[in-house]
C-alpha atoms as a PDB file:
ATOM      1  CA  MET A   1      59.798  -0.569  51.637  1.00  0.00           C
ATOM      2  CA  ARG A   2      58.789  -4.168  52.267  1.00  0.00           C
ATOM      3  CA  ALA A   3      56.972  -5.407  55.350  1.00  0.00           C
ATOM      4  CA  ARG A   4      55.439  -8.612  56.528  1.00  0.00           C
ATOM      5  CA  LEU A   5      51.862  -9.215  57.668  1.00  0.00           C
ATOM      6  CA  VAL A   6      51.818 -10.639  61.159  1.00  0.00           C
ATOM      7  CA  LYS A   7      49.071 -12.804  62.689  1.00  0.00           C
ATOM      8  CA  ILE A   8      47.051 -10.963  65.349  1.00  0.00           C
ATOM      9  CA  GLY A   9      44.326 -13.352  66.570  1.00  0.00           C
ATOM     10  CA  ASN A  10      42.162 -14.306  63.595  1.00  0.00           C
ATOM     11  CA  SER A  11      43.406 -11.157  61.652  1.00  0.00           C
ATOM     12  CA  ARG A  12      46.582  -9.978  60.123  1.00  0.00           C
ATOM     13  CA  GLY A  13      48.397  -6.797  60.994  1.00  0.00           C
ATOM     14  CA  LEU A  14      51.159  -4.636  59.519  1.00  0.00           C
ATOM     15  CA  ARG A  15      53.898  -3.178  61.754  1.00  0.00           C
ATOM     16  CA  LEU A  16      55.050   0.267  60.713  1.00  0.00           C
ATOM     17  CA  ALA A  17      58.299   1.726  62.060  1.00  0.00           C
ATOM     18  CA  LYS A  18      57.969   4.793  64.280  1.00  0.00           C
ATOM     19  CA  PRO A  19      60.104   7.010  62.003  1.00  0.00           C
ATOM     20  CA  LEU A  20      57.824   6.154  59.072  1.00  0.00           C
ATOM     21  CA  LEU A  21      54.670   6.982  61.081  1.00  0.00           C
ATOM     22  CA  GLU A  22      56.234  10.295  62.158  1.00  0.00           C
ATOM     23  CA  GLN A  23      57.315  11.108  58.585  1.00  0.00           C
ATOM     24  CA  VAL A  24      53.735  10.798  57.269  1.00  0.00           C
ATOM     25  CA  GLY A  25      51.947  12.100  60.299  1.00  0.00           C
ATOM     26  CA  LEU A  26      50.045   9.012  61.325  1.00  0.00           C
ATOM     27  CA  SER A  27      48.873   8.579  64.929  1.00  0.00           C
ATOM     28  CA  ASP A  28      46.526   6.125  66.699  1.00  0.00           C
ATOM     29  CA  GLU A  29      43.555   6.536  64.319  1.00  0.00           C
ATOM     30  CA  VAL A  30      43.777   6.286  60.547  1.00  0.00           C
ATOM     31  CA  ASP A  31      41.488   6.158  57.489  1.00  0.00           C
ATOM     32  CA  ILE A  32      41.996   3.177  55.299  1.00  0.00           C
ATOM     33  CA  GLN A  33      40.583   2.878  51.745  1.00  0.00           C
ATOM     34  CA  ALA A  34      40.829  -0.264  49.618  1.00  0.00           C
ATOM     35  CA  ALA A  35      40.987  -0.496  45.822  1.00  0.00           C
ATOM     36  CA  PRO A  36      42.095  -3.400  43.696  1.00  0.00           C
ATOM     37  CA  VAL A  37      45.672  -4.340  44.822  1.00  0.00           C
ATOM     38  CA  VAL A  38      46.064  -1.002  46.704  1.00  0.00           C
ATOM     39  CA  LEU A  39      45.522   0.030  50.304  1.00  0.00           C
ATOM     40  CA  THR A  40      45.653   3.751  51.127  1.00  0.00           C
ATOM     41  CA  ILE A  41      46.286   4.746  54.744  1.00  0.00           C
ATOM     42  CA  ARG A  42      45.792   8.386  55.726  1.00  0.00           C
ATOM     43  CA  PRO A  43      45.616  10.301  59.011  1.00  0.00           C
ATOM     44  CA  VAL A  44      42.112  11.016  60.175  1.00  0.00           C
ATOM     45  CA  ALA A  45      41.202  14.551  59.391  1.00  0.00           C
ATOM     46  CA  ARG A  46      39.964  16.108  62.596  1.00  0.00           C
ATOM     47  CA  PRO A  47      37.955  19.369  62.419  1.00  0.00           C
ATOM     48  CA  ARG A  48      39.441  22.258  64.259  1.00  0.00           C
ATOM     49  CA  PRO A  49      37.624  23.131  67.462  1.00  0.00           C
ATOM     50  CA  GLN A  50      35.600  26.327  67.058  1.00  0.00           C
ATOM     51  CA  ILE A  51      36.310  29.079  69.496  1.00  0.00           C
ATOM     52  CA  ARG A  52      33.224  30.825  70.607  1.00  0.00           C
ATOM     53  CA  ARG A  53      33.609  34.534  71.390  1.00  0.00           C
ATOM     54  CA  PRO A  54      31.067  36.425  73.493  1.00  0.00           C
ATOM     55  CA  GLY A  55      28.616  38.314  71.243  1.00  0.00           C
ATOM     56  CA  HIS A  56      29.440  36.243  68.167  1.00  0.00           C
ATOM     57  CA  GLY A  57      26.719  33.673  68.017  1.00  0.00           C
END
C-alpha cells in the first residue's frame, strides 16, 4: 500500500485508513521503532490490570 506524508505544522504525518488500523489492532497510542529505511508501528502493549482477591496479598 502506498501513502503520502502530509504536512502537519512543522512535522509530517501519515494518514492510515480506518479499516487498516482495525485490521492490525492499532488505536490512539502506538509504539514506533526506526531502523535504516524501515519504520515499525505496533500497538502499545498494555499490562492487564491485576484483580486483588481478599486474603491473597
